[in-house]
Amino acid sequence: MHGSERISHIATRVHDGGDPMNNDRANDTLVLFTSRYPHDLVSEIFLDYEIPYLATEFKKVILVPSYPTSPERRTNRPLPPNVKILDSHMRNARSLRYYFQSLSKQELFHEFFDALTKRKCFPNVLSMLAFMAEALRTRDFVRRFVKENYEDSFSTVFYTYWFHAQTLGIGLVKSEFPHIKLVSRAHGYDLYEERYNPPYIPFRHLSFNYVDRLVPISEHGVKYLETRYSPFKSKLIMNRLGVPDPLFTTPPSRDGFFRIVSCSNLVKVKRVDLLIMGLAEAGKLRPGQTFLWSHIGTGPLLEEIETLTKQLLPKNVHYKFLGLLPHGEVMEYYRKNPVDVFINVSESEGIPVSIMEAQSCGIPAIATAVGGTPEIVTNENGVLLKKDPTPREIANAIIEMIDNPFLAAEKRLRAKENWRQNYNAQVNFRKFVDLLRSI
């Protein structure tokens, strides 16, 4: 199922045959700021699952992608009829005037000295400038939008998909229009400061002051923010992402092969090189076993990863790089092919949508205990590795699945049940739109 078919299919199931424009509750506007969605083929594609629910509950949904998409990555994604796109925000994406304006902002200097004294770190000044510049660009866009739609702005919710500069930019408009409502999600790179060097994300306190609700996608994210920003804990509420019911269950292998799937961008944080070392170790420990590894996704490290694969994997570990697949094609792969285990050994995560998809098909996962991953992967429904596993520990987890087929079968059932109870799109996104409408 391709992306366009998937959105249409989900929308039909969400609406249950009804017309969202006739919904008595659907009388407000939602303005959703994204990075590049819906134009980008890769960025934020899991929003495909959420958009139909937003479109059902709001009379009008306006998507505001913040950055332009390169031609080779650009896609024309069909959307529900009441979802519109405002591209004007992209036009000044690299305007130097916002950098110069940033230098005159008192908030910039307050933030710099706050980082030096309270956080005891020397912040990346260029990063701070870029953050404030993007916030000012967003501020100007939102200010124009509110002025042009002043009456409607009282029943409009501004929603930023990432707790980043766009959130601050909308917040800066509140001094002029205090009635506007602002909600943000928080995932991974926009949440965990340890992903940066120094471990710091600019303007956290200021952004917290402005946001009406901040919605981390995991319990770990909530606790992380409560610990660091306790004065704002009343603004935090957890809402998980989710994926729809695929209406099938992926079978295990029955031909003696052992099939492994991984799905991620090929970037450093995903540690696909570590996964390759684990697969090589498994192949050496079980020379009589044939392993079939398929990786879904691409990225800047593709050439390096392919070279490492050729160098390290023994002959009994076969591999295939499937490249970038739309989520619908990922699910089609799970429908047509047996899969024994899904593996993710990232060094940092929110909660991976890729694991939600695998569990929805009854595929157990081996994953590292980072971020919110222990909330979705346990030793009951898969294998939870320590944060920094050795290749041998990864190999042992794989072999455990091979040597204990009855236990593996039980994990498959529990993986599916975990999706049903905690990561079902129909349940989680309905809760989220109720939250948005309550602001």
Protein backbone atom coordinates (compact mmCIF):
# COMPACT_ATOMS: atom_id res chain seq x y z
CA MET A 1 0.00 0.00 0.00
CA HIS A 2 1.55 3.31 -1.10
CA GLY A 3 1.43 6.53 0.94
CA SER A 4 -1.57 7.98 -0.92
CA GLU A 5 -3.52 4.74 -0.60
CA ARG A 6 -2.59 4.50 3.07
CA ILE A 7 -3.89 7.98 3.94
CA SER A 8 -7.12 7.34 2.04
CA HIS A 9 -7.53 3.91 3.67
CA ILE A 10 -6.91 5.24 7.18
CA ALA A 11 -9.19 8.21 6.59
CA THR A 12 -12.03 5.92 5.56
CA ARG A 13 -11.63 3.85 8.71
CA VAL A 14 -11.34 6.94 10.92
CA HIS A 15 -14.44 8.56 9.49
CA ASP A 16 -16.44 5.33 9.57
CA GLY A 17 -18.15 6.43 6.40
CA GLY A 18 -19.02 9.88 7.72
CA ASP A 19 -18.12 13.34 6.49
CA PRO A 20 -15.74 15.20 8.81
CA MET A 21 -17.13 18.52 7.62
CA ASN A 22 -20.55 17.55 9.00
CA ASN A 23 -19.14 16.70 12.42
CA ASP A 24 -20.74 19.06 14.95
CA ARG A 25 -17.51 19.15 16.91
CA ALA A 26 -15.39 19.99 13.85
CA ASN A 27 -15.72 23.78 13.99
CA ASP A 28 -12.19 24.96 14.76
CA THR A 29 -8.86 25.40 12.99
CA LEU A 30 -5.61 23.56 13.69
CA VAL A 31 -2.33 25.00 12.38
CA LEU A 32 0.34 22.29 12.39
CA PHE A 33 4.02 23.24 12.00
CA THR A 34 6.21 20.46 10.63
CA SER A 35 9.79 20.26 9.44
CA ARG A 36 9.09 19.26 5.81
CA TYR A 37 5.86 17.28 5.83
CA PRO A 38 3.86 16.79 3.61
CA HIS A 39 6.28 17.56 0.76
CA ASP A 40 9.17 15.36 1.86
CA LEU A 41 9.19 11.67 1.01
CA VAL A 42 11.05 10.75 4.22
CA SER A 43 10.58 13.41 6.87
CA GLU A 44 7.81 12.83 9.44
CA ILE A 45 6.08 10.19 7.31
CA PHE A 46 4.48 8.77 10.46
CA LEU A 47 2.23 11.87 10.35
CA ASP A 48 0.38 9.95 7.62
CA TYR A 49 -1.20 7.98 10.46
CA GLU A 50 -2.18 11.07 12.49
CA ILE A 51 -3.49 13.46 9.83
CA PRO A 52 -6.82 11.64 9.21
CA TYR A 53 -7.70 11.94 12.91
CA LEU A 54 -6.86 15.64 12.97
CA ALA A 55 -8.89 16.20 9.80
CA THR A 56 -11.89 14.45 11.32
CA GLU A 57 -11.98 16.56 14.47
CA PHE A 58 -11.14 20.01 13.09
CA LYS A 59 -13.03 21.94 10.45
CA LYS A 60 -9.77 23.08 8.91
CA VAL A 61 -6.20 21.77 9.28
CA ILE A 62 -3.39 23.95 7.93
CA LEU A 63 0.04 22.37 7.43
CA VAL A 64 3.03 24.72 7.63
CA PRO A 65 6.28 23.01 6.54
CA SER A 66 9.16 25.10 7.82
CA TYR A 67 11.88 24.10 5.37
CA PRO A 68 12.00 23.48 1.60
CA THR A 69 12.34 19.95 0.22
CA SER A 70 14.90 19.04 -2.43
CA PRO A 71 13.40 17.96 -5.77
CA GLU A 72 14.61 14.35 -5.48
CA ARG A 73 12.87 13.93 -2.12
CA ARG A 74 9.71 15.85 -2.94
CA THR A 75 6.35 14.07 -3.16
CA ASN A 76 2.79 15.18 -3.80
CA ARG A 77 1.05 13.49 -0.91
CA PRO A 78 -2.76 13.38 -1.21
CA LEU A 79 -4.47 14.79 1.87
CA PRO A 80 -8.03 14.93 3.21
CA PRO A 81 -10.06 17.73 1.56
CA ASN A 82 -10.07 19.98 4.65
CA VAL A 83 -6.26 19.86 5.01
CA LYS A 84 -4.48 22.76 3.33
CA ILE A 85 -0.80 23.67 2.97
CA LEU A 86 0.78 27.09 3.53
CA ASP A 87 4.20 27.11 1.86
CA SER A 88 4.98 30.79 2.36
CA HIS A 89 6.89 30.04 5.56
CA MET A 90 9.59 28.32 3.47
CA ARG A 91 10.47 31.32 1.36
CA ASN A 92 12.66 33.04 3.93
CA ALA A 93 14.18 29.83 5.25
CA ARG A 94 17.75 31.14 5.10
CA SER A 95 17.17 34.86 5.36
CA LEU A 96 20.17 36.54 7.00
CA ARG A 97 18.04 39.37 8.35
CA TYR A 98 16.69 37.09 11.06
CA TYR A 99 20.23 36.32 12.20
CA PHE A 100 20.95 40.03 12.47
CA GLN A 101 17.68 40.57 14.33
CA SER A 102 18.67 37.81 16.75
CA LEU A 103 21.75 39.78 17.78
CA SER A 104 19.51 42.56 19.08
CA LYS A 105 17.25 40.31 21.17
CA GLN A 106 17.67 40.55 24.92
CA GLU A 107 16.49 36.95 25.21
CA LEU A 108 19.63 35.82 23.36
CA PHE A 109 21.98 37.43 25.87
CA HIS A 110 19.92 36.27 28.86
CA GLU A 111 20.05 32.72 27.51
CA PHE A 112 23.79 32.89 26.93
CA PHE A 113 24.60 34.02 30.46
CA ASP A 114 22.06 31.60 31.94
CA ALA A 115 23.86 28.73 30.21
CA LEU A 116 27.21 29.93 31.51
CA THR A 117 26.12 30.37 35.12
CA LYS A 118 23.36 27.81 35.80
CA ARG A 119 24.21 25.10 33.31
CA LYS A 120 27.95 25.71 33.59
CA CYS A 121 28.49 25.11 29.90
CA PHE A 122 29.66 27.33 27.07
CA PRO A 123 26.80 27.09 24.57
CA ASN A 124 27.28 26.89 20.84
CA VAL A 125 26.66 30.53 19.93
CA LEU A 126 25.95 29.77 16.27
CA SER A 127 23.37 27.19 17.34
CA MET A 128 21.71 29.76 19.61
CA LEU A 129 21.66 32.31 16.79
CA ALA A 130 20.17 29.81 14.33
CA PHE A 131 17.54 28.79 16.88
CA MET A 132 16.48 32.38 17.56
CA ALA A 133 16.56 33.27 13.86
CA GLU A 134 14.16 30.42 13.08
CA ALA A 135 11.96 31.47 16.00
CA LEU A 136 11.79 35.05 14.68
CA ARG A 137 10.94 33.83 11.19
CA THR A 138 8.13 31.74 12.65
CA ARG A 139 6.99 34.66 14.82
CA ASP A 140 6.58 36.92 11.79
CA PHE A 141 4.62 34.28 9.91
CA VAL A 142 2.26 33.63 12.84
CA ARG A 143 1.80 37.33 13.50
CA ARG A 144 0.68 37.87 9.89
CA PHE A 145 -1.55 34.80 10.07
CA VAL A 146 -3.30 35.97 13.26
CA LYS A 147 -3.82 39.49 11.92
CA GLU A 148 -5.35 38.15 8.72
CA ASN A 149 -7.54 35.66 10.59
CA TYR A 150 -8.12 37.55 13.83
CA GLU A 151 -11.71 36.47 14.55
CA ASP A 152 -10.93 32.82 13.78
CA SER A 153 -7.73 32.90 15.83
CA PHE A 154 -9.76 32.64 19.05
CA SER A 155 -10.80 29.12 18.02
CA THR A 156 -7.44 28.16 16.49
CA VAL A 157 -4.88 25.83 18.05
CA PHE A 158 -1.24 26.12 16.97
CA TYR A 159 0.48 22.74 17.13
CA THR A 160 4.22 22.19 16.60
CA TYR A 161 5.23 18.64 15.86
CA TRP A 162 8.68 19.26 17.38
CA PHE A 163 9.49 21.12 20.60
CA HIS A 164 11.97 23.36 18.88
CA ALA A 165 12.41 26.83 17.41
CA GLN A 166 8.94 26.97 15.85
CA THR A 167 7.42 26.50 19.30
CA LEU A 168 9.37 29.46 20.64
CA GLY A 169 8.45 31.54 17.59
CA ILE A 170 4.72 31.02 18.12
CA GLY A 171 5.20 31.74 21.81
CA LEU A 172 6.80 35.11 21.03
CA VAL A 173 3.54 36.19 19.40
CA LYS A 174 1.68 35.70 22.68
CA SER A 175 2.91 39.04 24.01
CA GLU A 176 0.84 40.68 21.26
CA PHE A 177 -1.98 38.12 21.03
CA PRO A 178 -2.20 36.40 24.44
CA HIS A 179 -5.34 34.47 23.45
CA ILE A 180 -3.57 32.14 21.01
CA LYS A 181 -3.22 28.50 22.08
CA LEU A 182 0.00 26.52 21.66
CA VAL A 183 0.63 22.78 21.96
CA SER A 184 3.81 20.90 21.08
CA ARG A 185 4.85 17.28 20.89
CA ALA A 186 8.34 16.21 22.04
CA HIS A 187 10.06 13.18 20.53
CA GLY A 188 13.84 12.64 20.64
CA TYR A 189 16.25 15.14 19.13
CA ASP A 190 13.96 17.94 20.33
CA LEU A 191 13.79 16.49 23.84
CA TYR A 192 17.06 14.88 24.95
CA GLU A 193 19.79 17.45 25.49
CA GLU A 194 22.46 14.73 25.64
CA ARG A 195 22.21 14.37 21.88
CA TYR A 196 24.14 17.64 21.62
CA ASN A 197 27.65 18.73 22.55
CA PRO A 198 27.50 20.44 24.94
CA PRO A 199 24.30 18.75 26.21
CA TYR A 200 22.06 21.77 25.78
CA ILE A 201 19.03 22.91 23.76
CA PRO A 202 18.52 26.70 23.66
CA PHE A 203 15.65 28.65 25.21
CA ARG A 204 14.07 25.77 27.09
CA HIS A 205 12.65 27.82 29.96
CA LEU A 206 11.34 30.51 27.61
CA SER A 207 9.64 27.92 25.40
CA PHE A 208 8.08 26.23 28.44
CA ASN A 209 6.70 29.58 29.59
CA TYR A 210 4.81 30.01 26.32
CA VAL A 211 3.50 26.52 25.60
CA ASP A 212 0.05 25.60 26.96
CA ARG A 213 0.70 21.86 26.82
CA LEU A 214 3.85 19.90 26.03
CA VAL A 215 3.18 16.33 24.94
CA PRO A 216 6.13 13.90 25.11
CA ILE A 217 5.51 10.63 23.30
CA SER A 218 6.87 8.46 26.13
CA GLU A 219 6.79 8.15 29.90
CA HIS A 220 10.58 8.42 29.82
CA GLY A 221 10.27 11.78 28.08
CA VAL A 222 7.84 13.05 30.71
CA LYS A 223 10.10 12.00 33.59
CA TYR A 224 13.15 13.45 31.84
CA LEU A 225 11.50 16.87 31.55
CA GLU A 226 9.97 16.75 35.03
CA THR A 227 13.43 16.21 36.49
CA ARG A 228 15.00 19.12 34.62
CA TYR A 229 12.09 21.55 34.45
CA SER A 230 10.01 20.77 37.52
CA PRO A 231 8.26 24.20 37.68
CA PHE A 232 6.52 23.31 34.41
CA LYS A 233 5.46 19.73 35.20
CA SER A 234 1.76 20.71 35.20
CA LYS A 235 2.07 21.46 31.47
CA LEU A 236 3.31 17.96 30.63
CA ILE A 237 1.04 15.20 29.42
CA MET A 238 2.12 11.98 27.74
CA ASN A 239 0.50 10.79 24.51
CA ARG A 240 1.99 7.92 22.56
CA LEU A 241 2.16 7.69 18.80
CA GLY A 242 0.56 4.68 17.15
CA VAL A 243 0.08 2.73 13.96
CA PRO A 244 -3.15 1.27 12.56
CA ASP A 245 -4.14 -2.36 12.60
CA PRO A 246 -2.53 -3.98 9.53
CA LEU A 247 -5.26 -6.65 9.55
CA PHE A 248 -2.70 -9.45 9.20
CA THR A 249 0.01 -11.17 11.24
CA THR A 250 3.47 -11.86 9.79
CA PRO A 251 4.45 -15.55 10.04
CA PRO A 252 7.86 -16.78 11.22
CA SER A 253 10.21 -18.65 8.88
CA ARG A 254 9.41 -22.32 8.33
CA ASP A 255 12.21 -23.25 5.90
CA GLY A 256 15.18 -23.37 8.29
CA PHE A 257 16.39 -19.85 7.49
CA PHE A 258 16.33 -17.13 10.16
CA ARG A 259 15.05 -13.80 8.86
CA ILE A 260 15.98 -10.49 10.47
CA VAL A 261 14.71 -7.02 9.56
CA SER A 262 15.95 -3.61 10.61
CA CYS A 263 14.48 -0.27 9.55
CA SER A 264 16.14 3.10 10.07
CA ASN A 265 17.97 5.96 8.45
CA LEU A 266 21.64 5.16 7.94
CA VAL A 267 22.99 7.75 10.35
CA LYS A 268 25.43 7.49 13.25
CA VAL A 269 22.83 7.46 16.05
CA LYS A 270 21.21 4.29 14.65
CA ARG A 271 24.45 2.28 15.05
CA VAL A 272 23.81 -0.01 12.08
CA ASP A 273 27.56 -0.71 12.15
CA LEU A 274 27.10 -2.26 15.61
CA LEU A 275 24.21 -4.35 14.28
CA ILE A 276 26.45 -5.65 11.48
CA MET A 277 29.08 -6.66 14.03
CA GLY A 278 26.39 -8.49 16.01
CA LEU A 279 25.18 -10.31 12.89
CA ALA A 280 28.77 -11.28 12.05
CA GLU A 281 29.18 -12.69 15.55
CA ALA A 282 25.92 -14.67 15.24
CA GLY A 283 27.07 -16.10 11.94
CA LYS A 284 30.36 -17.26 13.45
CA LEU A 285 28.68 -18.76 16.52
CA ARG A 286 26.25 -20.71 14.33
CA PRO A 287 28.10 -21.56 11.09
CA GLY A 288 25.45 -24.13 10.13
CA GLN A 289 22.60 -21.62 10.33
CA THR A 290 21.68 -19.40 7.38
CA PHE A 291 20.69 -15.85 8.33
CA LEU A 292 18.84 -13.51 5.98
CA TRP A 293 19.09 -9.83 6.98
CA SER A 294 17.08 -7.12 5.23
CA HIS A 295 17.55 -3.43 6.02
CA ILE A 296 14.91 -0.85 5.12
CA GLY A 297 16.12 2.74 4.82
CA THR A 298 18.97 4.78 3.45
CA GLY A 299 21.08 7.75 4.44
CA PRO A 300 24.47 9.44 4.32
CA LEU A 301 26.31 6.38 5.71
CA LEU A 302 25.03 3.99 3.01
CA GLU A 303 28.37 3.53 1.24
CA GLU A 304 30.24 3.08 4.52
CA ILE A 305 27.68 0.54 5.77
CA GLU A 306 27.76 -1.44 2.53
CA THR A 307 31.56 -1.63 2.70
CA LEU A 308 31.47 -2.78 6.32
CA THR A 309 28.87 -5.42 5.46
CA LYS A 310 31.08 -6.90 2.73
CA GLN A 311 34.09 -6.91 5.05
CA LEU A 312 32.51 -8.41 8.17
CA LEU A 313 29.59 -10.70 7.37
CA PRO A 314 30.42 -14.40 6.94
CA LYS A 315 29.01 -16.39 4.03
CA ASN A 316 26.09 -17.76 6.05
CA VAL A 317 24.76 -14.24 6.71
CA HIS A 318 23.06 -12.99 3.56
CA TYR A 319 21.95 -9.37 3.34
CA LYS A 320 19.83 -7.07 1.26
CA PHE A 321 19.49 -3.29 1.41
CA LEU A 322 15.92 -2.55 0.36
CA GLY A 323 16.41 1.23 0.31
CA LEU A 324 13.84 3.78 1.27
CA LEU A 325 10.31 2.35 1.37
CA PRO A 326 7.14 4.31 2.13
CA HIS A 327 5.45 3.01 5.26
CA GLY A 328 2.77 1.33 3.18
CA GLU A 329 5.42 -0.66 1.33
CA VAL A 330 7.07 -1.61 4.63
CA MET A 331 3.77 -3.10 5.76
CA GLU A 332 3.37 -4.83 2.42
CA TYR A 333 6.80 -6.39 2.92
CA TYR A 334 5.68 -7.69 6.32
CA ARG A 335 2.52 -9.08 4.75
CA LYS A 336 4.31 -10.98 1.98
CA ASN A 337 7.47 -12.18 3.77
CA PRO A 338 8.14 -14.22 6.93
CA VAL A 339 10.12 -12.30 9.56
CA ASP A 340 11.57 -13.83 12.72
CA VAL A 341 12.82 -10.76 14.55
CA PHE A 342 13.18 -6.99 14.18
CA ILE A 343 16.37 -5.37 15.51
CA ASN A 344 17.10 -1.79 16.61
CA VAL A 345 20.38 -0.97 18.40
CA SER A 346 20.16 2.85 18.37
CA GLU A 347 22.10 4.87 20.94
CA SER A 348 19.15 7.27 21.41
CA GLU A 349 15.43 7.05 20.65
CA GLY A 350 12.05 8.48 21.55
CA ILE A 351 9.88 5.44 20.87
CA PRO A 352 10.56 4.04 17.39
CA VAL A 353 7.54 3.91 15.08
CA SER A 354 9.39 1.13 13.24
CA ILE A 355 9.03 -1.11 16.32
CA MET A 356 5.34 -0.21 16.61
CA GLU A 357 4.87 -1.34 13.01
CA ALA A 358 6.74 -4.59 13.61
CA GLN A 359 4.75 -5.38 16.76
CA SER A 360 1.47 -4.61 15.03
CA CYS A 361 2.37 -7.49 12.68
CA GLY A 362 3.31 -9.80 15.56
CA ILE A 363 7.07 -9.48 15.01
CA PRO A 364 9.12 -9.45 18.23
CA ALA A 365 11.97 -6.95 18.56
CA ILE A 366 15.50 -6.97 19.92
CA ALA A 367 16.33 -3.42 20.99
CA THR A 368 18.57 -1.33 23.20
CA ALA A 369 17.34 0.19 26.46
CA VAL A 370 17.56 3.84 25.39
CA GLY A 371 15.00 6.63 25.70
CA GLY A 372 11.46 5.30 25.68
CA THR A 373 12.34 1.98 24.02
CA PRO A 374 11.99 -0.05 27.28
CA GLU A 375 8.33 1.01 27.29
CA ILE A 376 7.68 -0.86 24.05
CA VAL A 377 10.27 -3.69 24.14
CA THR A 378 10.59 -6.00 27.14
CA ASN A 379 11.98 -9.46 27.67
CA GLU A 380 8.38 -10.72 27.62
CA ASN A 381 7.59 -9.50 24.09
CA GLY A 382 11.15 -9.44 22.70
CA VAL A 383 14.68 -8.99 24.01
CA LEU A 384 15.77 -5.77 25.71
CA LEU A 385 19.52 -5.25 25.50
CA LYS A 386 21.52 -2.89 27.68
CA LYS A 387 22.16 0.62 26.37
CA ASP A 388 25.58 -0.21 24.91
CA PRO A 389 25.59 -3.92 24.03
CA THR A 390 28.60 -5.79 22.69
CA PRO A 391 28.37 -7.60 19.34
CA ARG A 392 28.38 -10.88 21.29
CA GLU A 393 25.35 -9.78 23.35
CA ILE A 394 23.46 -8.92 20.17
CA ALA A 395 24.41 -12.31 18.72
CA ASN A 396 23.31 -14.11 21.89
CA ALA A 397 19.90 -12.39 21.71
CA ILE A 398 19.46 -13.58 18.13
CA ILE A 399 20.51 -17.13 19.00
CA GLU A 400 18.13 -17.14 21.98
CA MET A 401 15.26 -16.64 19.53
CA ILE A 402 16.52 -19.51 17.35
CA ASP A 403 17.10 -21.96 20.20
CA ASN A 404 13.75 -21.35 21.91
CA PRO A 405 11.05 -21.57 19.23
CA PHE A 406 8.21 -21.95 21.75
CA LEU A 407 9.42 -18.91 23.68
CA ALA A 408 9.78 -17.01 20.41
CA ALA A 409 6.19 -17.91 19.50
CA GLU A 410 5.03 -16.56 22.88
CA LYS A 411 6.95 -13.34 22.31
CA ARG A 412 5.21 -12.92 18.94
CA LEU A 413 1.80 -13.10 20.63
CA ARG A 414 2.84 -10.65 23.33
CA ALA A 415 4.33 -8.25 20.79
CA LYS A 416 0.99 -8.08 18.97
CA GLU A 417 -0.86 -7.63 22.27
CA ASN A 418 1.51 -4.84 23.33
CA TRP A 419 0.71 -2.96 20.12
CA ARG A 420 -3.01 -3.52 20.68
CA GLN A 421 -2.90 -2.18 24.24
CA ASN A 422 -0.41 0.68 23.90
CA TYR A 423 0.31 1.70 20.29
CA ASN A 424 -3.00 1.40 18.48
CA ALA A 425 -3.39 4.54 16.34
CA GLN A 426 -7.16 4.59 16.71
CA VAL A 427 -6.92 4.83 20.49
CA ASN A 428 -3.89 7.10 20.84
CA PHE A 429 -4.71 9.66 18.17
CA ARG A 430 -8.31 10.01 19.34
CA LYS A 431 -6.97 10.82 22.81
CA PHE A 432 -4.62 13.37 21.28
CA VAL A 433 -7.28 15.21 19.30
CA ASP A 434 -9.41 15.33 22.46
CA LEU A 435 -6.46 16.94 24.20
CA LEU A 436 -6.03 19.50 21.40
CA ARG A 437 -9.71 20.43 21.51
CA SER A 438 -9.63 20.82 25.29
CA ILE A 439 -6.97 23.55 25.23
